[in-house]
Amino acid sequence: MDGTDADVPAGVPLDELIACPQCDALYHARLPEDGTRAVCHRCHGVLISPRRDAFLRVVAFAVTVVVLMAGAIFFPFLGVNVAGFSNRASVVDTALAFLDGGWMTGLSVFVVFFIIMIPALRAILVIYTLAPLLVGRAPLRGARKAFRWAEDMRPWSMAEIFIIGCAVALVKVADLARVEFGPAFFMFGALVIVTVLLDGSLDRWSIWKALDRTS
C-alpha cells in the first residue's frame, strides 16, 4: 500500500485518518506519490487515487450524465409494433406505467425518483461542488453538504438496475412483438456507462482535502 500507514499511532488527528470504504480498516492518510495510489492492506480496496486533471474529468462526466438524462427523458425510449399497431414510450412514460391512482402510484413515484431524479441530482451536486475548484475559486456555499448528499445518494441511484430490467423484459417481449429502440434507449445505456466512469474517477479523499484547503 502506497501513501498510508497500516498502524495508526495514538494521538493522530481525526482529519488525518482515512477508513477503508470496504472493510472499515483505519489508516493514517498521506498523499501518495504521482502515479501511485493508497490501497487497503486487508481487502485491497482503493483509499486514495490522485490523478492529474481529476476534477476536470469528474465534472465532464457529471455534465455528460445531466445531458444524457435530459435527452433520455424527452426522446422515445422504446417502440412496440404488433398486429399493425404501434406504440412509443419515453423513460417517463415507462416509469409512470403503473400510475393508476391506486397504491401503484407510489411505485411509479419511487421509480421516477430512483432512476431519473437521483442520478441527475447527484451529478448536479458534484458539478456544484467541483466546478469552482476546477477554475481555482473557493467552493460555493454549502459545497461540503452538497458533496455529502451526492455521496449519500450513490447507493440509491438505480439507473443501471432499470436498464438491466428493461433488457430482461425485452427478451420476453421480442417473441411477441417487434421492438424498436428509440434514441433514449441508447442514451440511457450510455448514461449508465458514464455514471460508472464518474464513480470510478471520484477520489473522495482528494475532494474533501481540496474543500478544506480552499474554504
Protein backbone atom coordinates (compact mmCIF):
# COMPACT_ATOMS: atom_id res chain seq x y z
CA MET A 1 0.00 0.00 0.00
CA ASP A 2 1.39 3.40 -1.01
CA GLY A 3 0.73 6.57 0.93
CA THR A 4 -0.89 5.32 4.16
CA ASP A 5 0.26 3.68 7.37
CA ALA A 6 -1.47 0.49 8.44
CA ASP A 7 -0.63 1.01 12.13
CA VAL A 8 -2.21 4.26 13.29
CA PRO A 9 -0.21 5.88 16.10
CA ALA A 10 -2.02 7.29 19.10
CA GLY A 11 -2.88 10.96 19.02
CA VAL A 12 -3.26 11.28 15.24
CA PRO A 13 -5.86 13.99 14.44
CA LEU A 14 -9.10 12.66 13.02
CA ASP A 15 -8.73 14.71 9.84
CA GLU A 16 -5.52 12.78 9.07
CA LEU A 17 -7.23 9.38 9.26
CA ILE A 18 -8.98 7.51 6.50
CA ALA A 19 -11.23 4.45 6.77
CA CYS A 20 -11.45 1.84 4.05
CA PRO A 21 -14.95 2.05 2.50
CA GLN A 22 -14.97 -1.72 2.02
CA CYS A 23 -13.78 -3.18 5.35
CA ASP A 24 -13.56 -0.11 7.67
CA ALA A 25 -9.84 -0.59 8.36
CA LEU A 26 -8.36 2.67 9.69
CA TYR A 27 -5.20 4.25 8.29
CA HIS A 28 -3.07 7.33 8.69
CA ALA A 29 -3.66 9.05 5.35
CA ARG A 30 -0.83 10.51 3.32
CA LEU A 31 -0.88 11.75 -0.25
CA PRO A 32 0.68 9.05 -2.49
CA GLU A 33 3.39 9.86 -4.98
CA ASP A 34 2.43 10.74 -8.54
CA GLY A 35 1.22 7.70 -10.43
CA THR A 36 0.59 5.64 -7.29
CA ARG A 37 -2.42 5.06 -5.08
CA ALA A 38 -3.13 4.07 -1.49
CA VAL A 39 -4.67 0.62 -1.14
CA CYS A 40 -6.08 -1.18 1.89
CA HIS A 41 -3.83 -3.95 3.24
CA ARG A 42 -6.82 -6.03 4.31
CA CYS A 43 -9.15 -6.00 1.28
CA HIS A 44 -7.07 -4.15 -1.34
CA GLY A 45 -9.77 -1.51 -1.77
CA VAL A 46 -8.57 1.82 -3.18
CA LEU A 47 -8.31 4.51 -0.50
CA ILE A 48 -6.61 7.41 -2.28
CA SER A 49 -6.03 7.66 -6.02
CA PRO A 50 -4.97 11.18 -7.04
CA ARG A 51 -4.89 11.81 -10.78
CA ARG A 52 -3.86 14.72 -12.94
CA ASP A 53 -6.88 16.77 -14.11
CA ALA A 54 -9.11 14.58 -11.93
CA PHE A 55 -11.60 17.37 -11.18
CA LEU A 56 -11.92 18.19 -14.89
CA ARG A 57 -12.61 14.54 -15.68
CA VAL A 58 -15.23 14.22 -12.93
CA VAL A 59 -17.03 17.44 -13.90
CA ALA A 60 -17.02 16.38 -17.57
CA PHE A 61 -18.59 13.03 -16.66
CA ALA A 62 -21.17 14.74 -14.43
CA VAL A 63 -22.17 17.20 -17.17
CA THR A 64 -22.47 14.29 -19.59
CA VAL A 65 -24.79 12.49 -17.16
CA VAL A 66 -27.07 15.54 -16.96
CA VAL A 67 -27.17 15.96 -20.75
CA LEU A 68 -27.84 12.28 -21.37
CA MET A 69 -30.56 12.19 -18.73
CA ALA A 70 -32.28 15.21 -20.28
CA GLY A 71 -32.21 13.52 -23.69
CA ALA A 72 -33.34 10.19 -22.28
CA ILE A 73 -36.37 11.85 -20.73
CA PHE A 74 -37.64 13.65 -23.82
CA PHE A 75 -36.77 11.24 -26.65
CA PRO A 76 -38.62 7.96 -27.27
CA PHE A 77 -37.23 5.06 -25.27
CA LEU A 78 -38.89 2.04 -26.89
CA GLY A 79 -41.39 1.35 -29.62
CA VAL A 80 -43.51 -1.79 -29.96
CA ASN A 81 -45.24 -2.96 -33.14
CA VAL A 82 -47.69 -5.86 -33.05
CA ALA A 83 -50.51 -6.78 -35.44
CA GLY A 84 -50.26 -3.46 -37.26
CA PHE A 85 -50.48 -1.40 -34.08
CA SER A 86 -47.53 0.57 -32.75
CA ASN A 87 -46.77 2.49 -29.59
CA ARG A 88 -43.79 4.51 -28.39
CA ALA A 89 -42.88 5.41 -24.82
CA SER A 90 -40.30 7.63 -23.18
CA VAL A 91 -38.44 6.88 -19.96
CA VAL A 92 -41.01 8.92 -18.03
CA ASP A 93 -43.87 7.02 -19.69
CA THR A 94 -42.21 3.75 -18.74
CA ALA A 95 -41.64 4.85 -15.16
CA LEU A 96 -45.22 6.07 -14.83
CA ALA A 97 -46.75 2.96 -16.38
CA PHE A 98 -48.22 1.96 -13.02
CA LEU A 99 -49.79 5.36 -12.38
CA ASP A 100 -53.47 4.48 -12.00
CA GLY A 101 -54.49 6.32 -8.85
CA GLY A 102 -54.16 3.30 -6.57
CA TRP A 103 -51.32 2.10 -4.40
CA MET A 104 -49.28 1.57 -7.59
CA THR A 105 -48.97 5.35 -7.81
CA GLY A 106 -46.37 5.21 -5.07
CA LEU A 107 -44.41 2.66 -7.07
CA SER A 108 -44.36 4.95 -10.10
CA VAL A 109 -43.16 7.85 -7.96
CA PHE A 110 -40.36 5.75 -6.50
CA VAL A 111 -39.30 4.55 -9.95
CA VAL A 112 -39.07 8.13 -11.24
CA PHE A 113 -37.20 9.14 -8.12
CA PHE A 114 -34.61 6.36 -8.24
CA ILE A 115 -33.92 6.14 -11.99
CA ILE A 116 -34.28 9.79 -13.04
CA MET A 117 -34.16 12.29 -10.20
CA ILE A 118 -31.42 10.83 -8.02
CA PRO A 119 -28.86 10.18 -10.82
CA ALA A 120 -29.46 13.67 -12.27
CA LEU A 121 -29.45 15.42 -8.90
CA ARG A 122 -26.31 13.60 -7.81
CA ALA A 123 -24.48 14.74 -10.96
CA ILE A 124 -25.65 18.32 -10.42
CA LEU A 125 -24.38 18.26 -6.82
CA VAL A 126 -20.98 17.01 -7.99
CA ILE A 127 -20.81 19.84 -10.52
CA TYR A 128 -21.82 22.34 -7.84
CA THR A 129 -19.03 21.06 -5.60
CA LEU A 130 -16.17 20.79 -8.06
CA ALA A 131 -16.78 23.44 -10.74
CA PRO A 132 -15.45 26.35 -8.62
CA LEU A 133 -12.41 24.28 -7.56
CA LEU A 134 -11.74 23.48 -11.20
CA VAL A 135 -11.29 27.17 -12.05
CA GLY A 136 -9.27 27.91 -8.91
CA ARG A 137 -12.01 29.59 -6.91
CA ALA A 138 -13.30 28.99 -3.41
CA PRO A 139 -16.08 26.41 -3.11
CA LEU A 140 -19.64 27.68 -3.25
CA ARG A 141 -21.70 27.98 -0.13
CA GLY A 142 -22.80 24.58 1.13
CA ALA A 143 -20.34 22.68 -1.10
CA ARG A 144 -19.45 20.22 1.67
CA LYS A 145 -23.09 19.47 2.32
CA ALA A 146 -23.75 19.12 -1.41
CA PHE A 147 -20.93 16.60 -1.82
CA ARG A 148 -22.07 14.71 1.27
CA TRP A 149 -25.58 14.48 -0.19
CA ALA A 150 -24.16 13.29 -3.50
CA GLU A 151 -22.28 10.51 -1.69
CA ASP A 152 -25.35 9.57 0.36
CA MET A 153 -27.37 9.25 -2.85
CA ARG A 154 -24.91 6.90 -4.52
CA PRO A 155 -26.47 3.62 -3.25
CA TRP A 156 -29.93 4.85 -4.28
CA SER A 157 -29.03 5.72 -7.88
CA MET A 158 -30.53 2.78 -9.75
CA ALA A 159 -30.35 3.72 -13.42
CA GLU A 160 -28.31 0.59 -14.14
CA ILE A 161 -30.94 -1.59 -12.43
CA PHE A 162 -33.58 -0.06 -14.68
CA ILE A 163 -31.68 -0.73 -17.90
CA ILE A 164 -30.93 -4.32 -16.83
CA GLY A 165 -34.61 -4.85 -16.02
CA CYS A 166 -35.58 -3.49 -19.43
CA ALA A 167 -33.12 -5.82 -21.13
CA VAL A 168 -34.57 -8.84 -19.32
CA ALA A 169 -38.13 -7.81 -20.22
CA LEU A 170 -37.21 -7.27 -23.86
CA VAL A 171 -36.06 -10.87 -24.16
CA LYS A 172 -39.64 -11.96 -23.49
CA VAL A 173 -41.37 -9.17 -25.43
CA ALA A 174 -39.27 -9.77 -28.55
CA ASP A 175 -41.06 -13.09 -29.11
CA LEU A 176 -44.47 -11.41 -29.09
CA ALA A 177 -43.87 -8.13 -30.95
CA ARG A 178 -41.32 -6.20 -32.95
CA VAL A 179 -39.37 -3.92 -30.66
CA GLU A 180 -37.75 -0.69 -31.87
CA PHE A 181 -35.09 1.04 -29.80
CA GLY A 182 -35.51 4.79 -29.57
CA PRO A 183 -32.71 7.34 -29.11
CA ALA A 184 -33.40 7.45 -25.37
CA PHE A 185 -32.59 3.74 -25.01
CA PHE A 186 -29.05 4.27 -26.26
CA MET A 187 -28.73 7.50 -24.26
CA PHE A 188 -29.76 5.69 -21.11
CA GLY A 189 -27.30 2.88 -21.81
CA ALA A 190 -24.53 5.44 -22.32
CA LEU A 191 -25.64 7.20 -19.13
CA VAL A 192 -25.11 4.02 -17.12
CA ILE A 193 -21.59 3.64 -18.53
CA VAL A 194 -20.72 7.29 -17.87
CA THR A 195 -22.07 7.00 -14.31
CA VAL A 196 -19.72 4.07 -13.69
CA LEU A 197 -16.82 6.12 -15.06
CA LEU A 198 -17.86 9.05 -12.87
CA ASP A 199 -17.84 6.92 -9.73
CA GLY A 200 -14.51 5.39 -10.70
CA SER A 201 -12.95 8.83 -11.18
CA LEU A 202 -14.07 10.22 -7.82
CA ASP A 203 -11.16 10.42 -5.39
CA ARG A 204 -13.20 11.35 -2.38
CA TRP A 205 -10.24 11.94 -0.07
CA SER A 206 -8.72 14.44 -2.51
CA ILE A 207 -12.04 16.25 -2.89
CA TRP A 208 -12.51 16.62 0.85
CA LYS A 209 -8.95 17.85 1.24
CA ALA A 210 -9.45 20.37 -1.57
CA LEU A 211 -12.63 21.64 0.09
CA ASP A 212 -10.74 22.07 3.36
CA ARG A 213 -7.83 23.91 1.74
CA THR A 214 -9.93 26.34 -0.26
CA SER A 215 -12.53 27.18 2.36
